[in-house]
Amino acid sequence: MPSLARFRCAGTYWYEQEVESFITGGLVSEIPRRGSSANTILFKAEGELVAVAAHRPTEVDSPGASHALKATHLRALAIALPFQGTKLSNGMQLSTIVVRAAIADALRVPSREPLIVGLVAVENERSRRFCSREGFIEDVVHEMVWSEHMQRPMKYVWVTAAVRIEGSAC
């Protein structure tokens, strides 16, 4: 996946560089190992890679439930630098299209609940505002998570969205 290896989405902030490193290193190396690009969505316009989204199955503890919920972990959502802040001709933000497409792709897996979770760096106010606009709720507890880029634990917040599926009571 040569274009994925050259994908650039990071400015100067460590958490942007963390996502870019995950995409250009982690995803690029894991796709051949698993033999598929399943759970990874590449968004292209006129042959140029515009955005990347990646998700995977996870389990989430549900208070009071006897079993964990089979949810989706949104691992990465990134817009290439020249396209950040782009609005489409219909007025919708490119980032909204990307997150909604990633959620739709994740929910095609029949065993998963309509529940999406993700981690956002506490310092990443722009992504936290975006998640709030898209209906994600922040956990009140912040968590220290190892950062490959920083080589030390950094403070993150979990975000969660219960997704309404047509014909569902969720």
N, C-alpha and C. Protein backbone atom coordinates (compact mmCIF):
# COMPACT_ATOMS: atom_id res chain seq x y z
N MET A 1 0.84 -1.17 0.00
CA MET A 1 0.00 0.00 0.00
C MET A 1 0.89 1.24 0.00
N PRO A 2 1.52 1.51 -1.13
CA PRO A 2 2.49 2.60 -1.18
C PRO A 2 1.90 3.96 -0.83
N SER A 3 0.68 4.28 -1.28
CA SER A 3 0.13 5.61 -0.97
C SER A 3 -0.16 5.74 0.51
N LEU A 4 -0.52 4.65 1.18
CA LEU A 4 -0.78 4.69 2.62
C LEU A 4 0.51 4.95 3.38
N ALA A 5 1.60 4.40 2.93
CA ALA A 5 2.90 4.61 3.59
C ALA A 5 3.36 6.06 3.50
N ARG A 6 2.87 6.79 2.50
CA ARG A 6 3.26 8.20 2.31
C ARG A 6 2.20 9.18 2.82
N PHE A 7 1.16 8.68 3.45
CA PHE A 7 0.05 9.53 3.91
C PHE A 7 0.53 10.53 4.96
N ARG A 8 0.17 11.79 4.79
CA ARG A 8 0.57 12.84 5.73
C ARG A 8 -0.66 13.58 6.25
N CYS A 9 -0.83 13.50 7.59
CA CYS A 9 -1.97 14.16 8.22
C CYS A 9 -1.55 14.97 9.44
N ALA A 10 -0.29 14.92 9.81
CA ALA A 10 0.16 15.49 11.08
C ALA A 10 0.77 16.87 10.93
N GLY A 11 0.38 17.71 11.85
CA GLY A 11 1.04 19.00 12.03
C GLY A 11 2.11 18.82 13.10
N THR A 12 2.20 19.76 14.01
CA THR A 12 3.26 19.75 15.01
C THR A 12 2.88 19.08 16.32
N TYR A 13 1.61 18.77 16.52
CA TYR A 13 1.18 18.20 17.80
C TYR A 13 1.51 16.71 17.88
N TRP A 14 1.94 16.26 19.06
CA TRP A 14 2.34 14.87 19.24
C TRP A 14 1.22 13.90 18.89
N TYR A 15 -0.02 14.23 19.23
CA TYR A 15 -1.12 13.29 18.99
C TYR A 15 -1.43 13.18 17.50
N GLU A 16 -1.18 14.22 16.72
CA GLU A 16 -1.33 14.12 15.27
C GLU A 16 -0.23 13.22 14.71
N GLN A 17 0.98 13.40 15.22
CA GLN A 17 2.11 12.58 14.78
C GLN A 17 1.91 11.11 15.18
N GLU A 18 1.28 10.90 16.32
CA GLU A 18 0.97 9.53 16.77
C GLU A 18 0.06 8.82 15.77
N VAL A 19 -0.99 9.51 15.33
CA VAL A 19 -1.94 8.92 14.37
C VAL A 19 -1.25 8.67 13.03
N GLU A 20 -0.49 9.65 12.56
CA GLU A 20 0.22 9.48 11.29
C GLU A 20 1.17 8.29 11.36
N SER A 21 1.90 8.15 12.46
CA SER A 21 2.82 7.01 12.62
C SER A 21 2.06 5.69 12.65
N PHE A 22 0.91 5.67 13.31
CA PHE A 22 0.10 4.45 13.33
C PHE A 22 -0.32 4.07 11.91
N ILE A 23 -0.77 5.05 11.14
CA ILE A 23 -1.24 4.77 9.78
C ILE A 23 -0.09 4.34 8.88
N THR A 24 0.98 5.13 8.85
CA THR A 24 2.07 4.86 7.92
C THR A 24 2.98 3.71 8.35
N GLY A 25 2.93 3.37 9.62
CA GLY A 25 3.74 2.26 10.12
C GLY A 25 2.90 1.06 10.50
N GLY A 26 2.05 1.23 11.51
CA GLY A 26 1.24 0.14 12.04
C GLY A 26 0.31 -0.48 11.02
N LEU A 27 -0.53 0.34 10.39
CA LEU A 27 -1.48 -0.19 9.40
C LEU A 27 -0.76 -0.77 8.19
N VAL A 28 0.26 -0.05 7.71
CA VAL A 28 0.99 -0.52 6.53
C VAL A 28 1.61 -1.89 6.79
N SER A 29 2.13 -2.13 7.98
CA SER A 29 2.75 -3.43 8.27
C SER A 29 1.74 -4.50 8.62
N GLU A 30 0.60 -4.14 9.21
CA GLU A 30 -0.34 -5.19 9.62
C GLU A 30 -1.24 -5.68 8.48
N ILE A 31 -1.51 -4.85 7.49
CA ILE A 31 -2.40 -5.27 6.40
C ILE A 31 -1.85 -6.50 5.66
N PRO A 32 -0.58 -6.52 5.26
CA PRO A 32 -0.07 -7.73 4.60
C PRO A 32 -0.06 -8.96 5.53
N ARG A 33 0.20 -8.73 6.83
CA ARG A 33 0.22 -9.85 7.77
C ARG A 33 -1.14 -10.51 7.87
N ARG A 34 -2.20 -9.72 7.87
CA ARG A 34 -3.54 -10.32 7.98
C ARG A 34 -4.12 -10.66 6.62
N GLY A 35 -3.43 -10.24 5.53
CA GLY A 35 -3.83 -10.61 4.19
C GLY A 35 -5.05 -9.88 3.67
N SER A 36 -5.38 -8.76 4.29
CA SER A 36 -6.59 -8.04 3.89
C SER A 36 -6.53 -6.62 4.42
N SER A 37 -7.20 -5.74 3.71
CA SER A 37 -7.34 -4.37 4.21
C SER A 37 -8.70 -4.17 4.86
N ALA A 38 -9.35 -5.29 5.23
CA ALA A 38 -10.64 -5.20 5.91
C ALA A 38 -10.50 -4.32 7.15
N ASN A 39 -11.52 -3.58 7.46
CA ASN A 39 -11.56 -2.67 8.60
C ASN A 39 -10.68 -1.43 8.41
N THR A 40 -10.21 -1.22 7.20
CA THR A 40 -9.47 -0.01 6.86
C THR A 40 -10.13 0.58 5.63
N ILE A 41 -10.45 1.87 5.69
CA ILE A 41 -11.10 2.53 4.56
C ILE A 41 -10.19 3.65 4.07
N LEU A 42 -9.91 3.62 2.78
CA LEU A 42 -9.11 4.67 2.15
C LEU A 42 -10.05 5.53 1.31
N PHE A 43 -9.99 6.82 1.50
CA PHE A 43 -10.81 7.76 0.76
C PHE A 43 -9.92 8.47 -0.25
N LYS A 44 -10.25 8.33 -1.53
CA LYS A 44 -9.43 8.93 -2.59
C LYS A 44 -10.28 9.87 -3.43
N ALA A 45 -9.63 10.90 -3.93
CA ALA A 45 -10.25 11.83 -4.89
C ALA A 45 -9.23 12.05 -5.99
N GLU A 46 -9.64 11.76 -7.21
CA GLU A 46 -8.77 11.90 -8.37
C GLU A 46 -7.42 11.21 -8.16
N GLY A 47 -7.47 10.01 -7.56
CA GLY A 47 -6.27 9.21 -7.35
C GLY A 47 -5.45 9.59 -6.14
N GLU A 48 -5.80 10.66 -5.45
CA GLU A 48 -5.04 11.11 -4.29
C GLU A 48 -5.70 10.63 -3.01
N LEU A 49 -4.90 10.12 -2.07
CA LEU A 49 -5.41 9.67 -0.78
C LEU A 49 -5.78 10.89 0.06
N VAL A 50 -7.05 11.00 0.38
CA VAL A 50 -7.60 12.17 1.07
C VAL A 50 -7.79 11.91 2.56
N ALA A 51 -8.19 10.68 2.92
CA ALA A 51 -8.47 10.36 4.32
C ALA A 51 -8.33 8.86 4.54
N VAL A 52 -8.15 8.50 5.81
CA VAL A 52 -8.03 7.10 6.22
C VAL A 52 -8.85 6.90 7.48
N ALA A 53 -9.55 5.78 7.54
CA ALA A 53 -10.24 5.39 8.77
C ALA A 53 -9.93 3.92 9.01
N ALA A 54 -9.78 3.55 10.27
CA ALA A 54 -9.52 2.15 10.62
C ALA A 54 -10.30 1.82 11.88
N HIS A 55 -10.85 0.62 11.91
CA HIS A 55 -11.61 0.16 13.07
C HIS A 55 -11.34 -1.32 13.30
N ARG A 56 -11.72 -1.79 14.48
CA ARG A 56 -11.58 -3.21 14.80
C ARG A 56 -12.62 -3.58 15.85
N PRO A 57 -12.90 -4.87 15.97
CA PRO A 57 -13.84 -5.29 17.01
C PRO A 57 -13.19 -5.15 18.39
N THR A 58 -14.01 -4.90 19.38
CA THR A 58 -13.55 -4.84 20.76
C THR A 58 -14.71 -5.24 21.65
N GLU A 59 -14.43 -5.43 22.90
CA GLU A 59 -15.49 -5.71 23.87
C GLU A 59 -15.48 -4.60 24.91
N VAL A 60 -16.68 -4.20 25.30
CA VAL A 60 -16.85 -3.11 26.26
C VAL A 60 -17.69 -3.63 27.42
N ASP A 61 -17.19 -3.42 28.63
CA ASP A 61 -17.97 -3.80 29.81
C ASP A 61 -19.19 -2.90 29.92
N SER A 62 -20.31 -3.51 30.23
CA SER A 62 -21.55 -2.76 30.40
C SER A 62 -22.00 -2.93 31.84
N PRO A 63 -22.06 -1.82 32.60
CA PRO A 63 -22.46 -1.93 34.02
C PRO A 63 -23.81 -2.63 34.15
N GLY A 64 -23.85 -3.61 35.02
CA GLY A 64 -25.10 -4.32 35.28
C GLY A 64 -25.39 -5.45 34.31
N ALA A 65 -24.64 -5.55 33.23
CA ALA A 65 -24.87 -6.63 32.26
C ALA A 65 -24.04 -7.84 32.63
N SER A 66 -24.50 -9.00 32.24
CA SER A 66 -23.78 -10.24 32.57
C SER A 66 -22.65 -10.53 31.59
N HIS A 67 -22.58 -9.79 30.50
CA HIS A 67 -21.54 -10.04 29.51
C HIS A 67 -21.09 -8.70 28.88
N ALA A 68 -19.91 -8.75 28.28
CA ALA A 68 -19.39 -7.56 27.60
C ALA A 68 -20.11 -7.38 26.27
N LEU A 69 -20.21 -6.14 25.84
CA LEU A 69 -20.82 -5.83 24.54
C LEU A 69 -19.77 -5.93 23.45
N LYS A 70 -20.15 -6.47 22.31
CA LYS A 70 -19.24 -6.55 21.15
C LYS A 70 -19.39 -5.24 20.38
N ALA A 71 -18.42 -4.38 20.55
CA ALA A 71 -18.47 -3.03 19.99
C ALA A 71 -17.41 -2.86 18.91
N THR A 72 -17.26 -1.65 18.44
CA THR A 72 -16.24 -1.29 17.45
C THR A 72 -15.31 -0.24 18.05
N HIS A 73 -14.03 -0.48 17.94
CA HIS A 73 -13.03 0.51 18.35
C HIS A 73 -12.60 1.25 17.10
N LEU A 74 -12.87 2.54 17.04
CA LEU A 74 -12.40 3.38 15.95
C LEU A 74 -10.95 3.70 16.25
N ARG A 75 -10.05 3.03 15.53
CA ARG A 75 -8.61 3.11 15.80
C ARG A 75 -7.97 4.38 15.28
N ALA A 76 -8.42 4.82 14.12
CA ALA A 76 -7.84 6.02 13.51
C ALA A 76 -8.84 6.65 12.58
N LEU A 77 -8.82 7.95 12.55
CA LEU A 77 -9.61 8.74 11.61
C LEU A 77 -8.72 9.93 11.28
N ALA A 78 -8.29 10.04 10.03
CA ALA A 78 -7.33 11.08 9.68
C ALA A 78 -7.62 11.63 8.29
N ILE A 79 -7.46 12.94 8.18
CA ILE A 79 -7.63 13.65 6.92
C ILE A 79 -6.25 14.14 6.49
N ALA A 80 -5.89 13.94 5.22
CA ALA A 80 -4.60 14.42 4.71
C ALA A 80 -4.50 15.93 4.88
N LEU A 81 -3.31 16.41 5.16
CA LEU A 81 -3.09 17.83 5.46
C LEU A 81 -3.77 18.80 4.47
N PRO A 82 -3.64 18.60 3.15
CA PRO A 82 -4.25 19.59 2.24
C PRO A 82 -5.78 19.60 2.28
N PHE A 83 -6.39 18.57 2.88
CA PHE A 83 -7.85 18.47 2.88
C PHE A 83 -8.48 18.72 4.24
N GLN A 84 -7.66 19.00 5.25
CA GLN A 84 -8.21 19.25 6.59
C GLN A 84 -9.06 20.52 6.56
N GLY A 85 -10.25 20.42 7.16
CA GLY A 85 -11.19 21.54 7.18
C GLY A 85 -12.03 21.66 5.93
N THR A 86 -11.90 20.72 4.99
CA THR A 86 -12.63 20.78 3.72
C THR A 86 -14.12 20.59 3.92
N LYS A 87 -14.88 21.45 3.25
CA LYS A 87 -16.33 21.28 3.17
C LYS A 87 -16.66 20.83 1.76
N LEU A 88 -17.59 19.88 1.66
CA LEU A 88 -18.01 19.39 0.36
C LEU A 88 -19.02 20.35 -0.26
N SER A 89 -19.37 20.12 -1.51
CA SER A 89 -20.28 21.03 -2.22
C SER A 89 -21.66 21.10 -1.55
N ASN A 90 -22.04 20.05 -0.79
CA ASN A 90 -23.32 20.08 -0.09
C ASN A 90 -23.22 20.75 1.28
N GLY A 91 -22.04 21.28 1.60
CA GLY A 91 -21.84 21.99 2.86
C GLY A 91 -21.37 21.11 4.01
N MET A 92 -21.36 19.80 3.82
CA MET A 92 -20.95 18.87 4.88
C MET A 92 -19.42 18.82 4.97
N GLN A 93 -18.94 18.71 6.18
CA GLN A 93 -17.49 18.58 6.41
C GLN A 93 -17.01 17.21 5.92
N LEU A 94 -15.83 17.17 5.30
CA LEU A 94 -15.22 15.92 4.87
C LEU A 94 -15.07 14.97 6.06
N SER A 95 -14.68 15.50 7.21
CA SER A 95 -14.49 14.66 8.40
C SER A 95 -15.78 13.96 8.81
N THR A 96 -16.91 14.60 8.63
CA THR A 96 -18.20 13.98 8.95
C THR A 96 -18.47 12.81 8.03
N ILE A 97 -18.19 12.99 6.74
CA ILE A 97 -18.37 11.90 5.77
C ILE A 97 -17.47 10.73 6.15
N VAL A 98 -16.24 11.00 6.51
CA VAL A 98 -15.28 9.94 6.83
C VAL A 98 -15.72 9.17 8.08
N VAL A 99 -16.10 9.86 9.14
CA VAL A 99 -16.50 9.14 10.36
C VAL A 99 -17.78 8.36 10.14
N ARG A 100 -18.72 8.91 9.40
CA ARG A 100 -19.98 8.20 9.15
C ARG A 100 -19.75 6.97 8.26
N ALA A 101 -18.85 7.07 7.30
CA ALA A 101 -18.52 5.92 6.47
C ALA A 101 -17.82 4.84 7.29
N ALA A 102 -16.94 5.24 8.19
CA ALA A 102 -16.24 4.27 9.05
C ALA A 102 -17.24 3.55 9.96
N ILE A 103 -18.18 4.28 10.51
CA ILE A 103 -19.20 3.68 11.37
C ILE A 103 -20.07 2.72 10.57
N ALA A 104 -20.49 3.15 9.39
CA ALA A 104 -21.32 2.28 8.54
C ALA A 104 -20.57 1.00 8.18
N ASP A 105 -19.28 1.11 7.86
CA ASP A 105 -18.47 -0.06 7.52
C ASP A 105 -18.37 -0.99 8.73
N ALA A 106 -18.14 -0.43 9.90
CA ALA A 106 -18.01 -1.24 11.11
C ALA A 106 -19.30 -1.97 11.44
N LEU A 107 -20.42 -1.33 11.22
CA LEU A 107 -21.71 -1.94 11.58
C LEU A 107 -22.17 -2.98 10.57
N ARG A 108 -21.45 -3.14 9.48
CA ARG A 108 -21.76 -4.22 8.54
C ARG A 108 -21.40 -5.59 9.11
N VAL A 109 -20.59 -5.60 10.16
CA VAL A 109 -20.21 -6.85 10.82
C VAL A 109 -21.37 -7.25 11.73
N PRO A 110 -22.07 -8.35 11.41
CA PRO A 110 -23.31 -8.67 12.11
C PRO A 110 -23.18 -8.92 13.61
N SER A 111 -22.03 -9.36 14.08
CA SER A 111 -21.89 -9.69 15.50
C SER A 111 -21.65 -8.47 16.39
N ARG A 112 -21.44 -7.30 15.80
CA ARG A 112 -21.13 -6.12 16.61
C ARG A 112 -22.39 -5.35 17.00
N GLU A 113 -22.39 -4.87 18.23
CA GLU A 113 -23.46 -3.99 18.71
C GLU A 113 -23.28 -2.63 18.04
N PRO A 114 -24.33 -1.83 17.95
CA PRO A 114 -24.20 -0.50 17.37
C PRO A 114 -23.57 0.48 18.37
N LEU A 115 -22.36 0.15 18.78
CA LEU A 115 -21.63 0.93 19.78
C LEU A 115 -20.22 1.17 19.26
N ILE A 116 -19.82 2.43 19.21
CA ILE A 116 -18.50 2.81 18.70
C ILE A 116 -17.73 3.47 19.84
N VAL A 117 -16.47 3.06 20.03
CA VAL A 117 -15.63 3.66 21.06
C VAL A 117 -14.32 4.11 20.42
N GLY A 118 -13.68 5.07 21.04
CA GLY A 118 -12.39 5.54 20.56
C GLY A 118 -11.64 6.24 21.67
N LEU A 119 -10.36 6.44 21.46
CA LEU A 119 -9.52 7.19 22.39
C LEU A 119 -9.08 8.48 21.73
N VAL A 120 -9.17 9.57 22.46
CA VAL A 120 -8.74 10.87 21.96
C VAL A 120 -7.80 11.48 22.99
N ALA A 121 -6.69 12.00 22.54
CA ALA A 121 -5.77 12.67 23.46
C ALA A 121 -6.51 13.83 24.14
N VAL A 122 -6.36 13.93 25.44
CA VAL A 122 -7.04 14.99 26.18
C VAL A 122 -6.68 16.36 25.61
N GLU A 123 -5.45 16.55 25.19
CA GLU A 123 -5.00 17.84 24.64
C GLU A 123 -5.62 18.15 23.27
N ASN A 124 -6.17 17.15 22.60
CA ASN A 124 -6.67 17.32 21.24
C ASN A 124 -8.09 17.90 21.25
N GLU A 125 -8.16 19.18 21.53
CA GLU A 125 -9.46 19.86 21.63
C GLU A 125 -10.25 19.81 20.32
N ARG A 126 -9.58 19.92 19.19
CA ARG A 126 -10.28 19.91 17.90
C ARG A 126 -11.01 18.59 17.68
N SER A 127 -10.33 17.47 17.94
CA SER A 127 -10.97 16.16 17.78
C SER A 127 -12.05 15.93 18.83
N ARG A 128 -11.84 16.44 20.02
CA ARG A 128 -12.86 16.28 21.06
C ARG A 128 -14.12 17.06 20.69
N ARG A 129 -13.98 18.26 20.13
CA ARG A 129 -15.16 19.03 19.67
C ARG A 129 -15.84 18.30 18.51
N PHE A 130 -15.04 17.75 17.59
CA PHE A 130 -15.60 17.00 16.46
C PHE A 130 -16.41 15.80 16.97
N CYS A 131 -15.84 15.03 17.90
CA CYS A 131 -16.54 13.87 18.44
C CYS A 131 -17.86 14.29 19.10
N SER A 132 -17.83 15.38 19.82
CA SER A 132 -19.05 15.87 20.46
C SER A 132 -20.10 16.22 19.41
N ARG A 133 -19.69 16.91 18.34
CA ARG A 133 -20.62 17.26 17.25
C ARG A 133 -21.20 16.03 16.59
N GLU A 134 -20.43 14.96 16.53
CA GLU A 134 -20.88 13.73 15.87
C GLU A 134 -21.64 12.79 16.81
N GLY A 135 -21.89 13.24 18.05
CA GLY A 135 -22.71 12.46 18.97
C GLY A 135 -21.97 11.55 19.92
N PHE A 136 -20.65 11.65 19.97
CA PHE A 136 -19.88 10.86 20.92
C PHE A 136 -19.92 11.53 22.29
N ILE A 137 -19.94 10.72 23.32
CA ILE A 137 -19.94 11.20 24.71
C ILE A 137 -18.59 10.86 25.32
N GLU A 138 -18.01 11.83 26.02
CA GLU A 138 -16.72 11.60 26.68
C GLU A 138 -16.92 10.94 28.04
N ASP A 139 -16.02 10.00 28.35
CA ASP A 139 -15.98 9.42 29.68
C ASP A 139 -15.45 10.50 30.63
N VAL A 140 -15.94 10.51 31.85
CA VAL A 140 -15.48 11.53 32.80
C VAL A 140 -14.08 11.22 33.33
N VAL A 141 -13.67 9.97 33.21
CA VAL A 141 -12.34 9.57 33.70
C VAL A 141 -11.35 9.61 32.54
N HIS A 142 -10.23 10.28 32.75
CA HIS A 142 -9.16 10.28 31.76
C HIS A 142 -8.21 9.14 32.11
N GLU A 143 -7.59 8.59 31.08
CA GLU A 143 -6.77 7.39 31.26
C GLU A 143 -5.38 7.63 30.69
N MET A 144 -4.38 7.14 31.40
CA MET A 144 -3.02 7.21 30.89
C MET A 144 -2.80 6.01 29.97
N VAL A 145 -2.40 6.28 28.72
CA VAL A 145 -2.19 5.24 27.71
C VAL A 145 -0.80 5.44 27.11
N TRP A 146 -0.10 4.33 26.89
CA TRP A 146 1.25 4.41 26.32
C TRP A 146 1.20 5.02 24.93
N SER A 147 2.03 6.01 24.69
CA SER A 147 2.16 6.65 23.39
C SER A 147 3.45 6.17 22.73
N GLU A 148 3.30 5.50 21.59
CA GLU A 148 4.49 5.04 20.86
C GLU A 148 5.32 6.24 20.41
N HIS A 149 4.66 7.29 19.98
CA HIS A 149 5.38 8.47 19.48
C HIS A 149 6.14 9.17 20.61
N MET A 150 5.50 9.36 21.76
CA MET A 150 6.13 10.07 22.86
C MET A 150 7.00 9.16 23.73
N GLN A 151 6.80 7.83 23.59
CA GLN A 151 7.53 6.84 24.38
C GLN A 151 7.32 7.03 25.89
N ARG A 152 6.08 7.36 26.23
CA ARG A 152 5.68 7.46 27.63
C ARG A 152 4.15 7.51 27.67
N PRO A 153 3.57 7.27 28.85
CA PRO A 153 2.12 7.36 28.95
C PRO A 153 1.64 8.80 28.76
N MET A 154 0.54 8.94 28.04
CA MET A 154 -0.07 10.25 27.82
C MET A 154 -1.54 10.15 28.22
N LYS A 155 -2.15 11.30 28.51
CA LYS A 155 -3.52 11.30 28.98
C LYS A 155 -4.50 11.29 27.82
N TYR A 156 -5.41 10.30 27.83
CA TYR A 156 -6.45 10.15 26.82
C TYR A 156 -7.82 10.12 27.48
N VAL A 157 -8.83 10.35 26.67
CA VAL A 157 -10.21 10.22 27.13
C VAL A 157 -10.93 9.26 26.18
N TRP A 158 -11.76 8.37 26.73
CA TRP A 158 -12.58 7.49 25.91
C TRP A 158 -13.80 8.25 25.43
N VAL A 159 -14.16 8.04 24.19
CA VAL A 159 -15.40 8.60 23.64
C VAL A 159 -16.26 7.43 23.16
N THR A 160 -17.56 7.56 23.31
CA THR A 160 -18.48 6.48 22.96
C THR A 160 -19.70 7.04 22.26
N ALA A 161 -20.16 6.31 21.26
CA ALA A 161 -21.40 6.67 20.57
C ALA A 161 -22.24 5.42 20.38
N ALA A 162 -23.49 5.50 20.77
CA ALA A 162 -24.46 4.45 20.45
C ALA A 162 -25.11 4.90 19.14
N VAL A 163 -25.05 4.05 18.14
CA VAL A 163 -25.50 4.41 16.80
C VAL A 163 -26.89 3.87 16.55
N ARG A 164 -27.73 4.72 16.04
CA ARG A 164 -29.09 4.31 15.70
C ARG A 164 -29.07 3.65 14.33
N ILE A 165 -29.62 2.45 14.28
CA ILE A 165 -29.71 1.70 13.04
C ILE A 165 -31.17 1.74 12.60
N GLU A 166 -31.39 1.97 11.30
CA GLU A 166 -32.76 2.01 10.77
C GLU A 166 -33.53 0.78 11.23
N GLY A 167 -34.74 1.01 11.76
CA GLY A 167 -35.58 -0.09 12.20
C GLY A 167 -35.21 -0.63 13.57
N SER A 168 -34.26 0.04 14.26
CA SER A 168 -33.81 -0.41 15.56
C SER A 168 -34.29 0.55 16.64
N ALA A 169 -34.38 0.06 17.85
CA ALA A 169 -34.79 0.89 18.98
C ALA A 169 -33.59 1.50 19.69
N CYS A 170 -32.36 1.31 19.20
CA CYS A 170 -31.15 1.84 19.85
C CYS A 170 -31.14 3.34 19.88
